[in-house]
Amino acid sequence: EASESDRLCSGRERRRMSEDKAKKLAAEIQASSSSETFDLAGYGPEGLAQLVKAGLGTPIRSAEMMRLTFVCGGGKKVRQKYADNLPSLFGDALKSSGFVEDRGAAASLDCQGRYKFQHDTDKDLKFVHVFPRIAPPDTPGGEGDAALSPADLVIFADLPAFRTMVAKKTPSFSQRRRALDVLKAAKARLAAIEAKLAELQPLSEEEQSYYDSSDADGLQAKQDFLQALLEEMIAAGQLTKPEQSAVLEQLQQKLEAVEAQVAAAAAAGSSKKEAKLREAREKLEARRAAVSALKPIANRPKFASEIGAVQKRLPPLDALQ
């Protein structure tokens, strides 16, 4: 009995220490004013969930965008410090707070709420780069900037205004896919808030304001509209070379996932499921082949005619020097 009691006490002490550790790191994250690196050695699912909720669940007050890098694994020298599945656990915790994985994300304001994984073979370390949501720092004596950000316009505009905005402001495939990612992140954030309400948990003022201002059906309608628009652009071959590569990479990832599901269904002896999965795989392969065969387009820069006219006038000026 004493031994069992000791184990219970030890378990509670470990949980308390894990919570304290997560709170301390979360405070450091919230205090960040520029890009920084943090170490996730020793973290498990509970600690990661607490860390993400407290450190990244609310916007960081900053005058500039930043990249927060989290060390989550590595080679033989450091492997024992990290759980084998730490990157995926951290990714799950981020997704539960509305973050979206984006391999093309960078430290720019339009990449708020995204993250990406990196295996640095030179350093033999595994990183998760997080691009947090940013809020402008408090301005003494003022009420701050009331203008909506581009992401807010995507989230809160009604469908007719959204259609017009997409047509005028996001002509490229990449821009429209980023807008789609914003909508997906907004839906995930709203679902997380609704889950808290279902468990009778109190909401913060920011969460309550977001919940009151959001429209789940409207978000879905805009997501459906954008998804159809992206499919049309792919079918019409309106992809640049980088966009084509990104789509092919995404299709390859889906193919690998389906391959694993086919193997699992075959091992389980589920012939019907295996047949459906093989059919899905064939469609993905056909789609990949079609995208691969596309001839990439070259986007014409804005004011290209004016730029060309000015460039034609430069040689005579050079001759005067």
Protein backbone atom coordinates (compact mmCIF):
# COMPACT_ATOMS: atom_id res chain seq x y z
CA GLU A 1 0.00 0.00 0.00
CA ALA A 2 2.81 2.37 0.89
CA SER A 3 4.46 1.61 -2.43
CA GLU A 4 1.22 2.38 -4.33
CA SER A 5 0.82 5.61 -2.38
CA ASP A 6 4.37 6.60 -3.22
CA ARG A 7 3.71 5.98 -6.90
CA LEU A 8 0.56 8.15 -6.82
CA CYS A 9 2.40 10.95 -5.07
CA SER A 10 5.26 10.65 -7.53
CA GLY A 11 2.82 10.83 -10.47
CA ARG A 12 1.16 13.95 -9.09
CA GLU A 13 4.55 15.55 -8.51
CA ARG A 14 5.60 14.83 -12.10
CA ARG A 15 2.38 16.35 -13.43
CA ARG A 16 2.85 19.44 -11.25
CA MET A 17 6.41 19.85 -12.47
CA SER A 18 5.27 19.37 -16.07
CA GLU A 19 2.60 22.06 -15.63
CA ASP A 20 5.10 24.47 -14.05
CA LYS A 21 7.57 23.84 -16.85
CA ALA A 22 4.91 24.47 -19.53
CA LYS A 23 3.71 27.65 -17.80
CA LYS A 24 7.23 29.02 -17.56
CA LEU A 25 8.00 28.37 -21.25
CA ALA A 26 4.57 29.71 -22.26
CA ALA A 27 5.36 32.98 -20.45
CA GLU A 28 8.66 33.22 -22.32
CA ILE A 29 6.86 32.65 -25.63
CA GLN A 30 4.28 35.34 -24.88
CA ALA A 31 7.08 37.76 -23.95
CA SER A 32 8.85 37.22 -27.31
CA SER A 33 9.44 40.33 -29.38
CA SER A 34 11.47 38.75 -32.18
CA SER A 35 12.30 35.31 -33.61
CA GLU A 36 13.58 32.91 -30.94
CA THR A 37 14.37 29.22 -30.38
CA PHE A 38 12.96 27.01 -27.62
CA ASP A 39 13.80 23.44 -26.57
CA LEU A 40 11.01 20.87 -26.11
CA ALA A 41 13.18 18.20 -24.47
CA GLY A 42 11.19 16.17 -21.96
CA TYR A 43 7.74 17.27 -23.13
CA GLY A 44 4.83 14.86 -23.52
CA PRO A 45 1.22 15.25 -24.78
CA GLU A 46 -0.14 16.98 -21.65
CA GLY A 47 2.74 19.41 -21.38
CA LEU A 48 2.54 20.26 -25.10
CA ALA A 49 -1.20 20.90 -24.91
CA GLN A 50 -0.72 23.26 -21.95
CA LEU A 51 2.22 24.96 -23.63
CA VAL A 52 0.39 25.62 -26.89
CA LYS A 53 -2.78 26.78 -25.15
CA ALA A 54 -0.99 29.22 -22.83
CA GLY A 55 1.89 30.28 -25.08
CA LEU A 56 0.41 30.23 -28.58
CA GLY A 57 -3.36 30.08 -28.08
CA THR A 58 -3.58 33.88 -27.87
CA PRO A 59 -1.84 36.44 -30.13
CA ILE A 60 1.60 37.67 -29.09
CA ARG A 61 1.92 41.43 -28.65
CA SER A 62 4.60 42.49 -31.10
CA ALA A 63 5.36 45.26 -33.56
CA GLU A 64 6.72 42.76 -36.09
CA MET A 65 6.13 39.22 -37.32
CA MET A 66 8.38 36.49 -35.93
CA ARG A 67 9.32 32.84 -36.30
CA LEU A 68 9.40 30.72 -33.15
CA THR A 69 11.58 27.64 -33.57
CA PHE A 70 11.07 24.61 -31.34
CA VAL A 71 13.72 21.89 -31.14
CA CYS A 72 11.85 18.58 -31.04
CA GLY A 73 14.36 15.85 -31.88
CA GLY A 74 17.63 14.96 -33.50
CA GLY A 75 20.32 12.37 -34.07
CA LYS A 76 22.04 9.92 -31.75
CA LYS A 77 23.63 12.59 -29.55
CA VAL A 78 20.29 14.12 -28.46
CA ARG A 79 17.69 11.49 -29.40
CA GLN A 80 17.18 10.27 -25.83
CA LYS A 81 16.01 13.74 -24.75
CA TYR A 82 12.95 13.72 -27.02
CA ALA A 83 9.98 11.42 -27.56
CA ASP A 84 10.12 9.71 -30.97
CA ASN A 85 6.74 11.14 -31.98
CA LEU A 86 7.30 14.59 -30.46
CA PRO A 87 7.02 16.48 -33.80
CA SER A 88 3.63 14.90 -34.57
CA LEU A 89 2.42 15.42 -30.98
CA PHE A 90 3.40 19.07 -31.16
CA GLY A 91 1.69 19.35 -34.55
CA ASP A 92 -1.52 17.89 -33.12
CA ALA A 93 -1.43 20.38 -30.24
CA LEU A 94 -0.94 23.25 -32.68
CA LYS A 95 -3.80 22.07 -34.90
CA SER A 96 -6.12 21.90 -31.88
CA SER A 97 -5.45 25.63 -31.40
CA GLY A 98 -6.26 26.45 -35.00
CA PHE A 99 -2.77 26.34 -36.52
CA VAL A 100 -2.32 25.03 -40.07
CA GLU A 101 0.72 23.19 -41.42
CA ASP A 102 2.25 25.06 -44.36
CA ARG A 103 5.62 24.04 -45.80
CA GLY A 104 5.91 27.37 -47.58
CA ALA A 105 5.27 29.50 -44.50
CA ALA A 106 7.64 32.36 -43.68
CA ALA A 107 7.94 35.17 -41.16
CA SER A 108 5.37 37.42 -42.83
CA LEU A 109 2.05 38.68 -41.50
CA ASP A 110 0.03 36.64 -44.00
CA CYS A 111 1.51 33.46 -42.48
CA GLN A 112 0.12 33.99 -38.98
CA GLY A 113 -1.26 30.79 -37.45
CA ARG A 114 0.94 28.40 -39.45
CA TYR A 115 3.80 26.02 -38.78
CA LYS A 116 6.19 23.76 -40.65
CA PHE A 117 8.58 20.90 -39.85
CA GLN A 118 12.28 20.87 -40.72
CA HIS A 119 14.98 18.24 -40.37
CA ASP A 120 18.28 20.11 -40.44
CA THR A 121 20.76 17.44 -41.54
CA ASP A 122 23.74 19.75 -41.04
CA LYS A 123 22.90 20.28 -37.36
CA ASP A 124 21.29 16.83 -37.08
CA LEU A 125 18.29 18.36 -35.33
CA LYS A 126 14.54 18.36 -35.95
CA PHE A 127 12.64 21.64 -35.70
CA VAL A 128 9.05 22.83 -35.79
CA HIS A 129 8.90 26.46 -36.92
CA VAL A 130 5.78 28.25 -35.66
CA PHE A 131 4.52 31.54 -37.06
CA PRO A 132 2.29 32.83 -34.26
CA ARG A 133 -0.68 35.13 -34.40
CA ILE A 134 0.46 38.68 -33.77
CA ALA A 135 -1.40 41.56 -32.13
CA PRO A 136 -0.12 45.14 -32.24
CA PRO A 137 1.42 46.29 -28.95
CA ASP A 138 -0.72 48.51 -26.74
CA THR A 139 -0.39 52.17 -27.62
CA PRO A 140 -0.35 54.46 -24.56
CA GLY A 141 -3.26 56.89 -24.65
CA GLY A 142 -4.70 55.33 -27.81
CA GLU A 143 -7.15 52.67 -28.79
CA GLY A 144 -4.89 50.91 -31.33
CA ASP A 145 -5.53 50.25 -34.98
CA ALA A 146 -9.15 49.32 -35.61
CA ALA A 147 -8.57 48.31 -39.24
CA LEU A 148 -9.14 44.66 -40.08
CA SER A 149 -6.15 42.60 -41.19
CA PRO A 150 -6.29 40.70 -44.51
CA ALA A 151 -6.91 37.48 -42.56
CA ASP A 152 -9.80 39.10 -40.67
CA LEU A 153 -11.32 40.27 -43.95
CA VAL A 154 -11.17 36.70 -45.26
CA ILE A 155 -12.79 35.33 -42.10
CA PHE A 156 -15.50 37.91 -41.41
CA ALA A 157 -16.56 39.17 -44.87
CA ASP A 158 -19.94 37.91 -46.09
CA LEU A 159 -19.95 35.60 -49.13
CA PRO A 160 -20.77 38.22 -51.84
CA ALA A 161 -18.07 40.58 -50.55
CA PHE A 162 -15.68 37.64 -50.24
CA ARG A 163 -16.24 36.61 -53.86
CA THR A 164 -15.49 40.14 -55.03
CA MET A 165 -12.43 40.39 -52.81
CA VAL A 166 -11.02 37.08 -54.09
CA ALA A 167 -11.52 38.12 -57.73
CA LYS A 168 -9.84 41.52 -57.27
CA LYS A 169 -7.18 40.91 -54.63
CA THR A 170 -6.09 37.27 -55.04
CA PRO A 171 -5.56 36.46 -58.72
CA SER A 172 -2.96 33.72 -58.22
CA PHE A 173 -3.36 30.12 -57.10
CA SER A 174 -0.95 30.61 -54.18
CA GLN A 175 -2.86 33.61 -52.84
CA ARG A 176 -6.15 31.76 -53.00
CA ARG A 177 -4.70 28.68 -51.32
CA ARG A 178 -3.40 30.87 -48.49
CA ALA A 179 -6.89 32.32 -48.11
CA LEU A 180 -8.24 28.77 -47.93
CA ASP A 181 -5.72 27.97 -45.17
CA VAL A 182 -6.94 31.01 -43.24
CA LEU A 183 -10.53 29.75 -43.46
CA LYS A 184 -9.52 26.25 -42.33
CA ALA A 185 -7.65 27.70 -39.35
CA ALA A 186 -10.67 29.85 -38.48
CA LYS A 187 -12.96 26.80 -38.56
CA ALA A 188 -10.57 24.84 -36.34
CA ARG A 189 -10.38 27.71 -33.86
CA LEU A 190 -14.17 28.02 -33.78
CA ALA A 191 -14.52 24.26 -33.23
CA ALA A 192 -12.06 24.45 -30.31
CA ILE A 193 -14.13 27.21 -28.71
CA GLU A 194 -17.34 25.25 -29.22
CA ALA A 195 -15.69 22.23 -27.57
CA LYS A 196 -14.91 24.38 -24.53
CA LEU A 197 -18.53 25.52 -24.37
CA ALA A 198 -19.73 21.92 -24.60
CA GLU A 199 -17.59 21.11 -21.55
CA LEU A 200 -18.98 24.19 -19.74
CA GLN A 201 -15.53 25.79 -19.63
CA PRO A 202 -15.36 29.59 -19.40
CA LEU A 203 -14.19 31.56 -22.42
CA SER A 204 -11.71 34.41 -22.44
CA GLU A 205 -12.92 37.79 -23.65
CA GLU A 206 -11.10 37.26 -26.93
CA GLU A 207 -12.62 33.80 -27.43
CA GLN A 208 -16.11 35.09 -26.63
CA SER A 209 -15.69 37.98 -29.07
CA TYR A 210 -14.42 35.61 -31.76
CA TYR A 211 -17.27 33.17 -31.16
CA ASP A 212 -19.91 35.93 -31.30
CA SER A 213 -18.46 37.34 -34.53
CA SER A 214 -17.93 34.05 -36.37
CA ASP A 215 -20.36 32.24 -38.67
CA ALA A 216 -19.62 28.52 -39.08
CA ASP A 217 -21.94 28.16 -42.10
CA GLY A 218 -20.43 31.26 -43.72
CA LEU A 219 -16.90 29.93 -43.23
CA GLN A 220 -17.89 26.63 -44.84
CA ALA A 221 -19.56 28.38 -47.79
CA LYS A 222 -16.42 30.46 -48.43
CA GLN A 223 -14.22 27.39 -48.08
CA ASP A 224 -16.36 25.46 -50.60
CA PHE A 225 -16.24 28.40 -53.01
CA LEU A 226 -12.45 28.71 -52.80
CA GLN A 227 -11.89 24.95 -53.07
CA ALA A 228 -13.95 24.83 -56.27
CA LEU A 229 -12.07 27.84 -57.63
CA LEU A 230 -8.71 26.17 -56.96
CA GLU A 231 -9.85 22.99 -58.69
CA GLU A 232 -10.88 25.05 -61.72
CA MET A 233 -7.45 26.73 -61.81
CA ILE A 234 -5.70 23.35 -61.71
CA ALA A 235 -7.92 21.97 -64.47
CA ALA A 236 -7.23 25.06 -66.59
CA GLY A 237 -3.48 24.81 -66.02
CA GLN A 238 -3.25 28.18 -64.27
CA LEU A 239 -0.26 27.24 -62.12
CA THR A 240 3.22 28.71 -61.96
CA LYS A 241 6.19 26.35 -61.66
CA PRO A 242 6.41 26.70 -57.81
CA GLU A 243 2.63 26.27 -57.52
CA GLN A 244 2.74 23.15 -59.70
CA SER A 245 5.52 21.72 -57.51
CA ALA A 246 3.53 22.46 -54.35
CA VAL A 247 0.41 20.73 -55.71
CA LEU A 248 2.46 17.71 -56.80
CA GLU A 249 4.04 17.48 -53.35
CA GLN A 250 0.62 17.60 -51.72
CA LEU A 251 -0.68 14.88 -54.03
CA GLN A 252 2.38 12.74 -53.26
CA GLN A 253 1.70 13.06 -49.53
CA LYS A 254 -1.90 11.99 -50.07
CA LEU A 255 -0.74 9.04 -52.17
CA GLU A 256 1.64 7.90 -49.45
CA ALA A 257 -1.14 8.11 -46.88
CA VAL A 258 -3.51 6.07 -49.09
CA GLU A 259 -0.77 3.50 -49.72
CA ALA A 260 -0.44 2.99 -45.98
CA GLN A 261 -4.22 2.63 -45.65
CA VAL A 262 -4.31 0.09 -48.50
CA ALA A 263 -1.63 -1.98 -46.79
CA ALA A 264 -3.49 -1.79 -43.47
CA ALA A 265 -6.78 -2.84 -45.08
CA ALA A 266 -5.06 -5.75 -46.85
CA ALA A 267 -3.45 -6.90 -43.61
CA ALA A 268 -6.82 -6.73 -41.84
CA GLY A 269 -8.50 -8.76 -44.60
CA SER A 270 -11.01 -5.98 -45.37
CA SER A 271 -11.44 -6.54 -49.11
CA LYS A 272 -14.21 -3.95 -49.63
CA LYS A 273 -12.25 -1.21 -47.89
CA GLU A 274 -9.11 -2.19 -49.76
CA ALA A 275 -10.94 -2.00 -53.10
CA LYS A 276 -12.25 1.49 -52.35
CA LEU A 277 -8.81 2.65 -51.27
CA ARG A 278 -7.21 1.25 -54.42
CA GLU A 279 -9.79 3.15 -56.46
CA ALA A 280 -8.95 6.34 -54.57
CA ARG A 281 -5.25 5.69 -55.19
CA GLU A 282 -5.83 5.32 -58.94
CA LYS A 283 -7.67 8.65 -59.02
CA LEU A 284 -4.85 10.35 -57.14
CA GLU A 285 -2.27 8.87 -59.51
CA ALA A 286 -4.26 10.07 -62.51
CA ARG A 287 -4.57 13.51 -60.96
CA ARG A 288 -0.85 13.65 -60.24
CA ALA A 289 -0.06 12.67 -63.83
CA ALA A 290 -2.40 15.38 -65.15
CA VAL A 291 -0.84 18.08 -62.96
CA SER A 292 2.67 16.91 -63.85
CA ALA A 293 1.85 17.24 -67.56
CA LEU A 294 0.73 20.88 -67.22
CA LYS A 295 2.83 23.61 -68.77
CA PRO A 296 3.48 26.19 -66.01
CA ILE A 297 2.42 29.78 -66.60
CA ALA A 298 4.43 32.92 -65.87
CA ASN A 299 2.52 35.58 -63.96
CA ARG A 300 2.80 39.00 -65.55
CA PRO A 301 3.99 41.55 -62.97
CA LYS A 302 1.70 44.43 -62.06
CA PHE A 303 2.45 47.54 -64.16
CA ALA A 304 4.55 45.37 -66.49
CA SER A 305 3.80 47.69 -69.47
CA GLU A 306 4.87 50.78 -67.55
CA ILE A 307 8.05 49.06 -66.34
CA GLY A 308 8.88 47.99 -69.89
CA ALA A 309 8.41 51.54 -71.21
CA VAL A 310 10.76 52.94 -68.56
CA GLN A 311 13.38 50.29 -69.27
CA LYS A 312 13.40 51.24 -72.96
CA ARG A 313 14.26 54.82 -72.00
CA LEU A 314 17.24 53.83 -69.81
CA PRO A 315 19.96 53.09 -72.48
CA PRO A 316 20.00 56.69 -73.84
CA LEU A 317 20.30 57.96 -70.28
CA ASP A 318 23.19 55.58 -69.59
CA ALA A 319 24.98 56.95 -72.63
CA LEU A 320 24.91 60.45 -71.14
CA GLN A 321 26.94 59.36 -68.08
